[in-house]
Amino acid sequence: MSVRIPKVRSKTGQPVTFRSALVPPYVRRTKTLEAALPWLYLKGVSSGEMGAALKVLLGPDATGLSANTVSRLKRDWAKEYDGWRDVMLDEEPLVYIWADGVHSGLRGENDKLCVLVIVGVTARVHKRFLVIEDGERESTQSWREVLLNLKSWGMNAPALAIGDGTMGFWAALDEVYPTTRQQRCWQHKTMNVLNCLSKLSQPKAKAAIHNIWQAETKADAEKVFDLFLKTYEPKYPKATLCLQKDREELTAFFDFPAQHWQSIRTSNPTESAFATIRYRTKHSKGCLSFDGMLHMIFKLGQCAEQNGRKLRGFDTLAKVKDGIEATKPSQIAA
């Protein structure tokens, strides 16, 4: 089969190699297709459809596409996952951690299965998954076991922990790492507050809430916070109570370098990998086992670590680790 290669031009006169954006280079070069299998599997192609998919991409001569190959691949993931869980965490002190409980879409005997996840970033701007374990999202005991394991592996007390306010994580954090400050996720809090309002009032209320966490300084945020309470408390007391009860935890991020505010005021860093895993379980109609789901999230986490964006203002992370938190006027993001 003849293939036409598109022309590419170089402004410097040097030859340029054409690289397709459809399939990663290592997938195209491999002979045994061992590298192609995890790429397709993690993107939502089930083992039964993998042969047809690879023949379309690589031609009719593609081999090594049996279901046994996929099963062997998943066994290798299980071994990698078990080895990863035993890695010590005392080499690089952590500055921030994000915690979340993710419902996969798979169902257990009584309810949807949940995975407890913690992501951390070090003073050297190394963002990594620290925990991927099964458990109950609202259970303090489940999170206590997770945090005690992290402490036994040598994890220091982070400067700030970020997450949703409805988890049992916070009570466990107070017990295991009492010096770590807490930051509630503004994205989740906004949705919870808006659920207490009428649909007609939600657009203006949402804009008012955004004005709080988008304020230039903590003092400005406190003023806008008070204004929101005065405006909506007479008619919607449940909405203002939902916001007021976590006031200190919602504004904690203002005490850290302004370059980090965008990353530490929500739990978004834990969300990107799980959009893929939810798509994967939905696309394959929940055919994964629970252990298989854990191992897949582990592999997706490794991909996210390699391709993740660096934290803004990474040069100030070491200062946060040393206890320098207060935001100065010169730190305010433009």
C-alpha atoms as a PDB file:
ATOM      1  CA  MET A   1       0.000   0.000   0.000  1.00  0.00           C
ATOM      2  CA  SER A   2       1.467   3.322  -1.032  1.00  0.00           C
ATOM      3  CA  VAL A   3       1.369   6.153   1.454  1.00  0.00           C
ATOM      4  CA  ARG A   4       1.909   9.818   0.692  1.00  0.00           C
ATOM      5  CA  ILE A   5       3.877  11.695   3.345  1.00  0.00           C
ATOM      6  CA  PRO A   6       2.821  15.343   3.786  1.00  0.00           C
ATOM      7  CA  LYS A   7       5.426  17.945   2.960  1.00  0.00           C
ATOM      8  CA  VAL A   8       6.881  19.853   5.887  1.00  0.00           C
ATOM      9  CA  ARG A   9       9.024  22.948   5.621  1.00  0.00           C
ATOM     10  CA  SER A  10      11.640  24.261   7.990  1.00  0.00           C
ATOM     11  CA  LYS A  11      12.433  27.950   8.302  1.00  0.00           C
ATOM     12  CA  THR A  12      16.043  27.088   9.154  1.00  0.00           C
ATOM     13  CA  GLY A  13      16.546  24.894   6.096  1.00  0.00           C
ATOM     14  CA  GLN A  14      17.112  21.790   8.219  1.00  0.00           C
ATOM     15  CA  PRO A  15      15.158  18.612   7.379  1.00  0.00           C
ATOM     16  CA  VAL A  16      12.029  18.041   9.438  1.00  0.00           C
ATOM     17  CA  THR A  17      10.658  14.612  10.338  1.00  0.00           C
ATOM     18  CA  PHE A  18       6.908  14.272   9.960  1.00  0.00           C
ATOM     19  CA  ARG A  19       5.194  12.851  13.057  1.00  0.00           C
ATOM     20  CA  SER A  20       1.556  11.859  13.086  1.00  0.00           C
ATOM     21  CA  ALA A  21      -0.549  13.217  15.940  1.00  0.00           C
ATOM     22  CA  LEU A  22      -2.992  10.288  15.726  1.00  0.00           C
ATOM     23  CA  VAL A  23      -0.907   7.600  17.413  1.00  0.00           C
ATOM     24  CA  PRO A  24       2.157   8.054  19.707  1.00  0.00           C
ATOM     25  CA  PRO A  25       5.508   7.228  18.017  1.00  0.00           C
ATOM     26  CA  TYR A  26       6.330   4.357  20.393  1.00  0.00           C
ATOM     27  CA  VAL A  27       3.041   2.708  19.447  1.00  0.00           C
ATOM     28  CA  ARG A  28       3.775   2.932  15.722  1.00  0.00           C
ATOM     29  CA  ARG A  29       7.324   1.573  16.042  1.00  0.00           C
ATOM     30  CA  THR A  30       6.663  -1.459  18.243  1.00  0.00           C
ATOM     31  CA  LYS A  31       6.707  -4.926  16.610  1.00  0.00           C
ATOM     32  CA  THR A  32       4.979  -6.954  19.321  1.00  0.00           C
ATOM     33  CA  LEU A  33       2.397  -4.218  19.963  1.00  0.00           C
ATOM     34  CA  GLU A  34       2.848  -4.597  23.723  1.00  0.00           C
ATOM     35  CA  ALA A  35       3.064  -0.820  23.971  1.00  0.00           C
ATOM     36  CA  ALA A  36      -0.036  -0.308  21.834  1.00  0.00           C
ATOM     37  CA  LEU A  37      -2.270  -2.433  24.047  1.00  0.00           C
ATOM     38  CA  PRO A  38      -2.219  -0.285  27.217  1.00  0.00           C
ATOM     39  CA  TRP A  39      -2.635   2.883  25.172  1.00  0.00           C
ATOM     40  CA  LEU A  40      -5.789   1.547  23.502  1.00  0.00           C
ATOM     41  CA  TYR A  41      -7.111  -0.133  26.645  1.00  0.00           C
ATOM     42  CA  LEU A  42      -6.808   3.010  28.752  1.00  0.00           C
ATOM     43  CA  LYS A  43      -8.538   5.013  26.031  1.00  0.00           C
ATOM     44  CA  GLY A  44     -11.654   2.863  26.266  1.00  0.00           C
ATOM     45  CA  VAL A  45     -11.170   0.079  23.713  1.00  0.00           C
ATOM     46  CA  SER A  46     -12.213  -3.258  25.219  1.00  0.00           C
ATOM     47  CA  SER A  47     -10.101  -6.377  24.730  1.00  0.00           C
ATOM     48  CA  GLY A  48     -12.647  -7.827  22.295  1.00  0.00           C
ATOM     49  CA  GLU A  49     -12.435  -4.757  20.033  1.00  0.00           C
ATOM     50  CA  MET A  50      -8.688  -4.236  20.265  1.00  0.00           C
ATOM     51  CA  GLY A  51      -7.776  -6.438  17.299  1.00  0.00           C
ATOM     52  CA  ALA A  52     -10.049  -4.563  14.921  1.00  0.00           C
ATOM     53  CA  ALA A  53      -8.840  -1.195  16.212  1.00  0.00           C
ATOM     54  CA  LEU A  54      -5.164  -2.028  15.725  1.00  0.00           C
ATOM     55  CA  LYS A  55      -5.731  -3.466  12.257  1.00  0.00           C
ATOM     56  CA  VAL A  56      -7.327  -0.172  11.228  1.00  0.00           C
ATOM     57  CA  LEU A  57      -4.404   1.814  12.653  1.00  0.00           C
ATOM     58  CA  LEU A  58      -1.482  -0.448  11.768  1.00  0.00           C
ATOM     59  CA  GLY A  59      -2.692  -2.643   8.914  1.00  0.00           C
ATOM     60  CA  PRO A  60      -3.797  -6.264   8.502  1.00  0.00           C
ATOM     61  CA  ASP A  61      -0.405  -7.663   9.566  1.00  0.00           C
ATOM     62  CA  ALA A  62      -0.857  -6.618  13.211  1.00  0.00           C
ATOM     63  CA  THR A  63      -0.322  -9.639  15.477  1.00  0.00           C
ATOM     64  CA  GLY A  64      -0.297 -10.515  19.149  1.00  0.00           C
ATOM     65  CA  LEU A  65      -3.825  -9.329  19.837  1.00  0.00           C
ATOM     66  CA  SER A  66      -5.295 -12.192  21.852  1.00  0.00           C
ATOM     67  CA  ALA A  67      -7.292 -11.732  25.050  1.00  0.00           C
ATOM     68  CA  ASN A  68      -4.485 -13.550  26.894  1.00  0.00           C
ATOM     69  CA  THR A  69      -2.116 -10.718  25.998  1.00  0.00           C
ATOM     70  CA  VAL A  70      -4.439  -8.201  27.620  1.00  0.00           C
ATOM     71  CA  SER A  71      -4.805 -10.402  30.709  1.00  0.00           C
ATOM     72  CA  ARG A  72      -1.041 -10.667  31.030  1.00  0.00           C
ATOM     73  CA  LEU A  73      -0.788  -6.902  30.687  1.00  0.00           C
ATOM     74  CA  LYS A  74      -3.253  -6.386  33.555  1.00  0.00           C
ATOM     75  CA  ARG A  75      -1.303  -8.820  35.735  1.00  0.00           C
ATOM     76  CA  ASP A  76       1.808  -6.718  35.148  1.00  0.00           C
ATOM     77  CA  TRP A  77      -0.140  -3.638  36.235  1.00  0.00           C
ATOM     78  CA  ALA A  78      -1.114  -5.429  39.442  1.00  0.00           C
ATOM     79  CA  LYS A  79       2.552  -6.155  40.239  1.00  0.00           C
ATOM     80  CA  GLU A  80       3.524  -2.542  39.527  1.00  0.00           C
ATOM     81  CA  TYR A  81       0.710  -1.293  41.745  1.00  0.00           C
ATOM     82  CA  ASP A  82       1.752  -3.519  44.664  1.00  0.00           C
ATOM     83  CA  GLY A  83       5.354  -2.319  44.356  1.00  0.00           C
ATOM     84  CA  TRP A  84       4.282   1.334  44.144  1.00  0.00           C
ATOM     85  CA  ARG A  85       2.297   1.088  47.389  1.00  0.00           C
ATOM     86  CA  ASP A  86       5.458   0.206  49.350  1.00  0.00           C
ATOM     87  CA  VAL A  87       7.526   3.208  48.214  1.00  0.00           C
ATOM     88  CA  MET A  88       8.756   5.409  51.082  1.00  0.00           C
ATOM     89  CA  LEU A  89       7.809   9.111  51.094  1.00  0.00           C
ATOM     90  CA  ASP A  90      10.565  10.590  53.277  1.00  0.00           C
ATOM     91  CA  GLU A  91      12.872  11.774  50.466  1.00  0.00           C
ATOM     92  CA  GLU A  92      10.970  14.882  49.301  1.00  0.00           C
ATOM     93  CA  PRO A  93       8.839  16.868  51.784  1.00  0.00           C
ATOM     94  CA  LEU A  94       5.305  17.547  50.573  1.00  0.00           C
ATOM     95  CA  VAL A  95       3.894  21.069  50.470  1.00  0.00           C
ATOM     96  CA  TYR A  96       0.289  20.611  49.284  1.00  0.00           C
ATOM     97  CA  ILE A  97      -2.010  17.588  49.041  1.00  0.00           C
ATOM     98  CA  TRP A  98      -5.396  17.169  47.299  1.00  0.00           C
ATOM     99  CA  ALA A  99      -7.803  14.498  48.550  1.00  0.00           C
ATOM    100  CA  ASP A 100     -10.934  13.113  46.944  1.00  0.00           C
ATOM    101  CA  GLY A 101     -13.162  10.051  46.916  1.00  0.00           C
ATOM    102  CA  VAL A 102     -14.031   8.966  43.391  1.00  0.00           C
ATOM    103  CA  HIS A 103     -17.025   6.807  42.510  1.00  0.00           C
ATOM    104  CA  SER A 104     -16.045   4.745  39.495  1.00  0.00           C
ATOM    105  CA  GLY A 105     -19.424   3.741  38.081  1.00  0.00           C
ATOM    106  CA  LEU A 106     -18.791   0.096  38.993  1.00  0.00           C
ATOM    107  CA  ARG A 107     -21.206  -1.392  41.508  1.00  0.00           C
ATOM    108  CA  GLY A 108     -20.455  -3.539  44.518  1.00  0.00           C
ATOM    109  CA  GLU A 109     -22.895  -5.567  46.591  1.00  0.00           C
ATOM    110  CA  ASN A 110     -24.574  -2.591  48.236  1.00  0.00           C
ATOM    111  CA  ASP A 111     -23.403   0.588  46.524  1.00  0.00           C
ATOM    112  CA  LYS A 112     -21.110   2.069  43.931  1.00  0.00           C
ATOM    113  CA  LEU A 113     -17.467   1.286  44.570  1.00  0.00           C
ATOM    114  CA  CYS A 114     -15.298   4.208  45.663  1.00  0.00           C
ATOM    115  CA  VAL A 115     -11.580   4.908  45.363  1.00  0.00           C
ATOM    116  CA  LEU A 116      -9.807   7.181  47.862  1.00  0.00           C
ATOM    117  CA  VAL A 117      -7.150   9.292  46.176  1.00  0.00           C
ATOM    118  CA  ILE A 118      -4.509  11.711  47.458  1.00  0.00           C
ATOM    119  CA  VAL A 119      -2.251  13.738  45.165  1.00  0.00           C
ATOM    120  CA  GLY A 120       0.741  15.641  46.533  1.00  0.00           C
ATOM    121  CA  VAL A 121       3.260  18.198  45.288  1.00  0.00           C
ATOM    122  CA  THR A 122       6.762  18.602  46.703  1.00  0.00           C
ATOM    123  CA  ALA A 123       9.021  21.624  47.048  1.00  0.00           C
ATOM    124  CA  ARG A 124      10.766  20.442  43.871  1.00  0.00           C
ATOM    125  CA  VAL A 125       7.474  20.705  41.949  1.00  0.00           C
ATOM    126  CA  HIS A 126       7.087  16.939  41.703  1.00  0.00           C
ATOM    127  CA  LYS A 127       3.353  16.227  41.554  1.00  0.00           C
ATOM    128  CA  ARG A 128       2.546  12.597  42.236  1.00  0.00           C
ATOM    129  CA  PHE A 129      -0.194  10.251  43.371  1.00  0.00           C
ATOM    130  CA  LEU A 130       0.327   9.239  46.994  1.00  0.00           C
ATOM    131  CA  VAL A 131      -2.707   7.018  47.577  1.00  0.00           C
ATOM    132  CA  ILE A 132      -5.052   5.012  45.365  1.00  0.00           C
ATOM    133  CA  GLU A 133      -7.047   2.770  47.709  1.00  0.00           C
ATOM    134  CA  ASP A 134     -10.553   1.393  48.000  1.00  0.00           C
ATOM    135  CA  GLY A 135     -12.701   2.736  50.837  1.00  0.00           C
ATOM    136  CA  GLU A 136     -15.739   4.769  51.807  1.00  0.00           C
ATOM    137  CA  ARG A 137     -15.679   8.451  50.930  1.00  0.00           C
ATOM    138  CA  GLU A 138     -17.623   9.624  53.979  1.00  0.00           C
ATOM    139  CA  SER A 139     -15.905   7.272  56.433  1.00  0.00           C
ATOM    140  CA  THR A 140     -13.425   8.814  58.868  1.00  0.00           C
ATOM    141  CA  GLN A 141     -12.039   5.346  59.562  1.00  0.00           C
ATOM    142  CA  SER A 142     -11.222   4.731  55.893  1.00  0.00           C
ATOM    143  CA  TRP A 143      -9.337   8.020  55.629  1.00  0.00           C
ATOM    144  CA  ARG A 144      -7.665   7.462  59.018  1.00  0.00           C
ATOM    145  CA  GLU A 145      -6.193   4.197  57.752  1.00  0.00           C
ATOM    146  CA  VAL A 146      -4.972   5.913  54.591  1.00  0.00           C
ATOM    147  CA  LEU A 147      -3.293   8.788  56.455  1.00  0.00           C
ATOM    148  CA  LEU A 148      -1.723   6.522  59.072  1.00  0.00           C
ATOM    149  CA  ASN A 149      -0.219   4.424  56.283  1.00  0.00           C
ATOM    150  CA  LEU A 150       1.205   7.570  54.677  1.00  0.00           C
ATOM    151  CA  LYS A 151       2.692   8.626  58.002  1.00  0.00           C
ATOM    152  CA  SER A 152       4.282   5.192  58.462  1.00  0.00           C
ATOM    153  CA  TRP A 153       5.823   5.557  54.992  1.00  0.00           C
ATOM    154  CA  GLY A 154       7.497   8.783  56.102  1.00  0.00           C
ATOM    155  CA  MET A 155       5.174  11.492  54.793  1.00  0.00           C
ATOM    156  CA  ASN A 156       5.625  14.847  56.536  1.00  0.00           C
ATOM    157  CA  ALA A 157       2.784  17.158  57.572  1.00  0.00           C
ATOM    158  CA  PRO A 158       1.835  19.167  54.437  1.00  0.00           C
ATOM    159  CA  ALA A 159       1.304  22.909  54.701  1.00  0.00           C
ATOM    160  CA  LEU A 160      -2.193  22.727  53.173  1.00  0.00           C
ATOM    161  CA  ALA A 161      -4.733  20.026  52.306  1.00  0.00           C
ATOM    162  CA  ILE A 162      -7.417  20.698  49.671  1.00  0.00           C
ATOM    163  CA  GLY A 163     -10.666  18.816  49.137  1.00  0.00           C
ATOM    164  CA  ASP A 164     -14.437  18.694  49.263  1.00  0.00           C
ATOM    165  CA  GLY A 165     -16.044  19.477  52.616  1.00  0.00           C
ATOM    166  CA  THR A 166     -18.358  16.453  52.778  1.00  0.00           C
ATOM    167  CA  MET A 167     -15.664  13.793  53.188  1.00  0.00           C
ATOM    168  CA  GLY A 168     -14.578  12.000  56.360  1.00  0.00           C
ATOM    169  CA  PHE A 169     -11.062  13.051  55.382  1.00  0.00           C
ATOM    170  CA  TRP A 170     -11.054  16.189  57.519  1.00  0.00           C
ATOM    171  CA  ALA A 171     -11.733  14.509  60.857  1.00  0.00           C
ATOM    172  CA  ALA A 172      -9.003  11.972  60.121  1.00  0.00           C
ATOM    173  CA  LEU A 173      -6.604  14.761  59.095  1.00  0.00           C
ATOM    174  CA  ASP A 174      -7.136  16.548  62.425  1.00  0.00           C
ATOM    175  CA  GLU A 175      -6.101  13.359  64.220  1.00  0.00           C
ATOM    176  CA  VAL A 176      -3.092  12.339  62.131  1.00  0.00           C
ATOM    177  CA  TYR A 177      -1.761  15.721  60.880  1.00  0.00           C
ATOM    178  CA  PRO A 178      -3.245  18.366  63.218  1.00  0.00           C
ATOM    179  CA  THR A 179      -0.850  21.128  62.047  1.00  0.00           C
ATOM    180  CA  THR A 180      -1.907  20.898  58.386  1.00  0.00           C
ATOM    181  CA  ARG A 181      -4.216  23.713  57.317  1.00  0.00           C
ATOM    182  CA  GLN A 182      -7.426  22.957  55.445  1.00  0.00           C
ATOM    183  CA  GLN A 183      -8.822  24.416  52.224  1.00  0.00           C
ATOM    184  CA  ARG A 184     -12.311  23.560  51.018  1.00  0.00           C
ATOM    185  CA  CYS A 185     -12.879  23.227  47.279  1.00  0.00           C
ATOM    186  CA  TRP A 186     -14.638  26.328  45.937  1.00  0.00           C
ATOM    187  CA  GLN A 187     -16.073  24.444  42.976  1.00  0.00           C
ATOM    188  CA  HIS A 188     -17.911  21.943  45.173  1.00  0.00           C
ATOM    189  CA  LYS A 189     -18.949  24.613  47.671  1.00  0.00           C
ATOM    190  CA  THR A 190     -20.415  26.790  44.916  1.00  0.00           C
ATOM    191  CA  MET A 191     -22.582  23.905  43.681  1.00  0.00           C
ATOM    192  CA  ASN A 192     -23.763  23.131  47.219  1.00  0.00           C
ATOM    193  CA  VAL A 193     -24.748  26.740  47.879  1.00  0.00           C
ATOM    194  CA  LEU A 194     -26.544  27.139  44.553  1.00  0.00           C
ATOM    195  CA  ASN A 195     -28.586  24.012  45.267  1.00  0.00           C
ATOM    196  CA  CYS A 196     -30.151  25.915  48.188  1.00  0.00           C
ATOM    197  CA  LEU A 197     -31.308  28.772  45.942  1.00  0.00           C
ATOM    198  CA  SER A 198     -34.094  29.155  43.409  1.00  0.00           C
ATOM    199  CA  LYS A 199     -33.125  28.839  39.749  1.00  0.00           C
ATOM    200  CA  LEU A 200     -33.857  32.509  39.132  1.00  0.00           C
ATOM    201  CA  SER A 201     -31.458  33.569  41.894  1.00  0.00           C
ATOM    202  CA  GLN A 202     -28.630  31.227  40.949  1.00  0.00           C
ATOM    203  CA  PRO A 203     -26.904  33.275  38.188  1.00  0.00           C
ATOM    204  CA  LYS A 204     -26.455  36.385  40.358  1.00  0.00           C
ATOM    205  CA  ALA A 205     -25.514  34.329  43.405  1.00  0.00           C
ATOM    206  CA  LYS A 206     -22.917  32.405  41.411  1.00  0.00           C
ATOM    207  CA  ALA A 207     -21.335  35.665  40.236  1.00  0.00           C
ATOM    208  CA  ALA A 208     -21.301  36.938  43.840  1.00  0.00           C
ATOM    209  CA  ILE A 209     -19.576  33.758  45.037  1.00  0.00           C
ATOM    210  CA  HIS A 210     -16.969  34.065  42.284  1.00  0.00           C
ATOM    211  CA  ASN A 211     -16.233  37.589  43.481  1.00  0.00           C
ATOM    212  CA  ILE A 212     -15.194  36.137  46.844  1.00  0.00           C
ATOM    213  CA  TRP A 213     -12.495  33.742  45.663  1.00  0.00           C
ATOM    214  CA  GLN A 214     -11.429  36.058  42.832  1.00  0.00           C
ATOM    215  CA  ALA A 215     -10.728  38.941  45.215  1.00  0.00           C
ATOM    216  CA  GLU A 216      -7.284  40.553  45.089  1.00  0.00           C
ATOM    217  CA  THR A 217      -6.617  40.146  48.820  1.00  0.00           C
ATOM    218  CA  LYS A 218      -8.048  38.288  51.781  1.00  0.00           C
ATOM    219  CA  ALA A 219      -9.398  41.537  53.228  1.00  0.00           C
ATOM    220  CA  ASP A 220     -11.334  42.207  50.007  1.00  0.00           C
ATOM    221  CA  ALA A 221     -12.641  38.646  50.049  1.00  0.00           C
ATOM    222  CA  GLU A 222     -13.931  39.070  53.621  1.00  0.00           C
ATOM    223  CA  LYS A 223     -15.890  42.171  52.588  1.00  0.00           C
ATOM    224  CA  VAL A 224     -17.506  40.419  49.616  1.00  0.00           C
ATOM    225  CA  PHE A 225     -18.193  37.398  51.830  1.00  0.00           C
ATOM    226  CA  ASP A 226     -20.087  39.569  54.326  1.00  0.00           C
ATOM    227  CA  LEU A 227     -22.008  41.231  51.512  1.00  0.00           C
ATOM    228  CA  PHE A 228     -23.171  37.851  50.196  1.00  0.00           C
ATOM    229  CA  LEU A 229     -24.394  36.816  53.650  1.00  0.00           C
ATOM    230  CA  LYS A 230     -26.329  40.046  54.157  1.00  0.00           C
ATOM    231  CA  THR A 231     -27.873  39.811  50.682  1.00  0.00           C
ATOM    232  CA  TYR A 232     -29.121  36.212  50.781  1.00  0.00           C
ATOM    233  CA  GLU A 233     -29.559  35.357  54.477  1.00  0.00           C
ATOM    234  CA  PRO A 234     -33.117  36.770  54.882  1.00  0.00           C
ATOM    235  CA  LYS A 235     -34.579  34.672  52.061  1.00  0.00           C
ATOM    236  CA  TYR A 236     -32.128  31.761  51.794  1.00  0.00           C
ATOM    237  CA  PRO A 237     -30.726  31.007  55.280  1.00  0.00           C
ATOM    238  CA  LYS A 238     -29.679  27.467  54.312  1.00  0.00           C
ATOM    239  CA  ALA A 239     -27.505  28.804  51.487  1.00  0.00           C
ATOM    240  CA  THR A 240     -25.718  31.315  53.701  1.00  0.00           C
ATOM    241  CA  LEU A 241     -25.259  28.731  56.464  1.00  0.00           C
ATOM    242  CA  CYS A 242     -23.700  26.331  53.954  1.00  0.00           C
ATOM    243  CA  LEU A 243     -21.183  29.011  53.018  1.00  0.00           C
ATOM    244  CA  GLN A 244     -20.601  30.481  56.484  1.00  0.00           C
ATOM    245  CA  LYS A 245     -19.822  27.201  58.277  1.00  0.00           C
ATOM    246  CA  ASP A 246     -16.611  26.723  56.242  1.00  0.00           C
ATOM    247  CA  ARG A 247     -15.584  30.369  56.076  1.00  0.00           C
ATOM    248  CA  GLU A 248     -12.116  29.920  57.561  1.00  0.00           C
ATOM    249  CA  GLU A 249     -11.387  26.853  55.438  1.00  0.00           C
ATOM    250  CA  LEU A 250     -12.637  28.541  52.252  1.00  0.00           C
ATOM    251  CA  THR A 251     -10.333  31.544  52.604  1.00  0.00           C
ATOM    252  CA  ALA A 252      -7.210  29.710  53.799  1.00  0.00           C
ATOM    253  CA  PHE A 253      -5.610  29.814  50.338  1.00  0.00           C
ATOM    254  CA  PHE A 254      -5.262  33.609  50.585  1.00  0.00           C
ATOM    255  CA  ASP A 255      -2.494  33.083  53.175  1.00  0.00           C
ATOM    256  CA  PHE A 256      -0.302  31.325  50.611  1.00  0.00           C
ATOM    257  CA  PRO A 257       1.604  32.728  47.595  1.00  0.00           C
ATOM    258  CA  ALA A 258      -0.785  34.239  45.075  1.00  0.00           C
ATOM    259  CA  GLN A 259       0.841  32.309  42.234  1.00  0.00           C
ATOM    260  CA  HIS A 260      -0.563  29.122  43.774  1.00  0.00           C
ATOM    261  CA  TRP A 261      -4.132  30.332  44.332  1.00  0.00           C
ATOM    262  CA  GLN A 262      -5.460  28.964  41.050  1.00  0.00           C
ATOM    263  CA  SER A 263      -4.306  25.450  41.967  1.00  0.00           C
ATOM    264  CA  ILE A 264      -5.006  25.288  45.695  1.00  0.00           C
ATOM    265  CA  ARG A 265      -8.529  26.711  45.921  1.00  0.00           C
ATOM    266  CA  THR A 266     -10.161  23.699  44.193  1.00  0.00           C
ATOM    267  CA  SER A 267      -9.667  19.949  43.987  1.00  0.00           C
ATOM    268  CA  ASN A 268      -9.321  20.052  40.188  1.00  0.00           C
ATOM    269  CA  PRO A 269      -5.854  18.373  40.165  1.00  0.00           C
ATOM    270  CA  THR A 270      -7.555  15.100  41.178  1.00  0.00           C
ATOM    271  CA  GLU A 271     -10.306  15.351  38.570  1.00  0.00           C
ATOM    272  CA  SER A 272      -8.575  15.061  35.173  1.00  0.00           C
ATOM    273  CA  ALA A 273      -7.494  11.420  35.405  1.00  0.00           C
ATOM    274  CA  PHE A 274     -10.914  10.340  36.625  1.00  0.00           C
ATOM    275  CA  ALA A 275     -12.769  11.813  33.691  1.00  0.00           C
ATOM    276  CA  THR A 276     -10.903   9.193  31.665  1.00  0.00           C
ATOM    277  CA  ILE A 277     -11.605   6.315  34.063  1.00  0.00           C
ATOM    278  CA  ARG A 278     -15.320   7.185  34.169  1.00  0.00           C
ATOM    279  CA  TYR A 279     -15.360   7.165  30.379  1.00  0.00           C
ATOM    280  CA  ARG A 280     -13.503   3.839  30.348  1.00  0.00           C
ATOM    281  CA  THR A 281     -15.940   2.071  32.697  1.00  0.00           C
ATOM    282  CA  LYS A 282     -18.962   3.537  30.897  1.00  0.00           C
ATOM    283  CA  HIS A 283     -17.624   2.641  27.461  1.00  0.00           C
ATOM    284  CA  SER A 284     -16.949  -0.976  28.465  1.00  0.00           C
ATOM    285  CA  LYS A 285     -20.304  -1.146  30.327  1.00  0.00           C
ATOM    286  CA  GLY A 286     -18.718  -1.707  33.727  1.00  0.00           C
ATOM    287  CA  CYS A 287     -16.907  -4.928  32.740  1.00  0.00           C
ATOM    288  CA  LEU A 288     -13.859  -4.155  34.892  1.00  0.00           C
ATOM    289  CA  SER A 289     -13.328  -5.819  38.247  1.00  0.00           C
ATOM    290  CA  PHE A 290     -12.705  -3.584  41.241  1.00  0.00           C
ATOM    291  CA  ASP A 291      -9.032  -4.602  41.442  1.00  0.00           C
ATOM    292  CA  GLY A 292      -8.733  -3.980  37.726  1.00  0.00           C
ATOM    293  CA  MET A 293     -10.178  -0.507  38.224  1.00  0.00           C
ATOM    294  CA  LEU A 294      -7.609   0.280  40.940  1.00  0.00           C
ATOM    295  CA  HIS A 295      -4.784  -0.838  38.690  1.00  0.00           C
ATOM    296  CA  MET A 296      -6.126   1.192  35.782  1.00  0.00           C
ATOM    297  CA  ILE A 297      -6.401   4.338  37.909  1.00  0.00           C
ATOM    298  CA  PHE A 298      -2.816   3.705  38.988  1.00  0.00           C
ATOM    299  CA  LYS A 299      -1.656   3.594  35.343  1.00  0.00           C
ATOM    300  CA  LEU A 300      -3.702   6.685  34.490  1.00  0.00           C
ATOM    301  CA  GLY A 301      -2.096   8.422  37.454  1.00  0.00           C
ATOM    302  CA  GLN A 302       1.343   7.614  36.069  1.00  0.00           C
ATOM    303  CA  CYS A 303       0.334   9.143  32.729  1.00  0.00           C
ATOM    304  CA  ALA A 304      -0.976  12.234  34.516  1.00  0.00           C
ATOM    305  CA  GLU A 305       2.297  12.616  36.422  1.00  0.00           C
ATOM    306  CA  GLN A 306       4.270  12.650  33.173  1.00  0.00           C
ATOM    307  CA  ASN A 307       1.963  15.039  31.339  1.00  0.00           C
ATOM    308  CA  GLY A 308       0.766  17.223  34.227  1.00  0.00           C
ATOM    309  CA  ARG A 309       1.283  20.982  34.275  1.00  0.00           C
ATOM    310  CA  LYS A 310       3.705  22.480  36.749  1.00  0.00           C
ATOM    311  CA  LEU A 311       2.308  24.507  39.604  1.00  0.00           C
ATOM    312  CA  ARG A 312       2.451  28.244  38.921  1.00  0.00           C
ATOM    313  CA  GLY A 313       5.072  30.005  41.012  1.00  0.00           C
ATOM    314  CA  PHE A 314       6.942  26.763  41.670  1.00  0.00           C
ATOM    315  CA  ASP A 315       9.999  28.720  42.831  1.00  0.00           C
ATOM    316  CA  THR A 316       8.075  29.735  45.980  1.00  0.00           C
ATOM    317  CA  LEU A 317       7.152  26.192  47.032  1.00  0.00           C
ATOM    318  CA  ALA A 318      10.293  25.819  49.121  1.00  0.00           C
ATOM    319  CA  LYS A 319       9.368  28.983  51.042  1.00  0.00           C
ATOM    320  CA  VAL A 320       5.941  27.535  51.850  1.00  0.00           C
ATOM    321  CA  LYS A 321       7.625  24.374  53.135  1.00  0.00           C
ATOM    322  CA  ASP A 322       9.791  26.511  55.411  1.00  0.00           C
ATOM    323  CA  GLY A 323       6.720  28.187  56.886  1.00  0.00           C
ATOM    324  CA  ILE A 324       6.627  31.417  54.866  1.00  0.00           C
ATOM    325  CA  GLU A 325       2.963  31.584  53.886  1.00  0.00           C
ATOM    326  CA  ALA A 326       1.655  35.128  54.216  1.00  0.00           C
ATOM    327  CA  THR A 327       0.722  36.797  50.948  1.00  0.00           C
ATOM    328  CA  LYS A 328       2.350  40.155  50.371  1.00  0.00           C
ATOM    329  CA  PRO A 329       1.071  42.863  48.000  1.00  0.00           C
ATOM    330  CA  SER A 330       3.940  42.060  45.625  1.00  0.00           C
ATOM    331  CA  GLN A 331       2.662  38.484  45.331  1.00  0.00           C
ATOM    332  CA  ILE A 332      -0.797  39.410  44.115  1.00  0.00           C
ATOM    333  CA  ALA A 333      -1.424  37.889  40.685  1.00  0.00           C
ATOM    334  CA  ALA A 334      -2.160  40.402  37.965  1.00  0.00           C
END
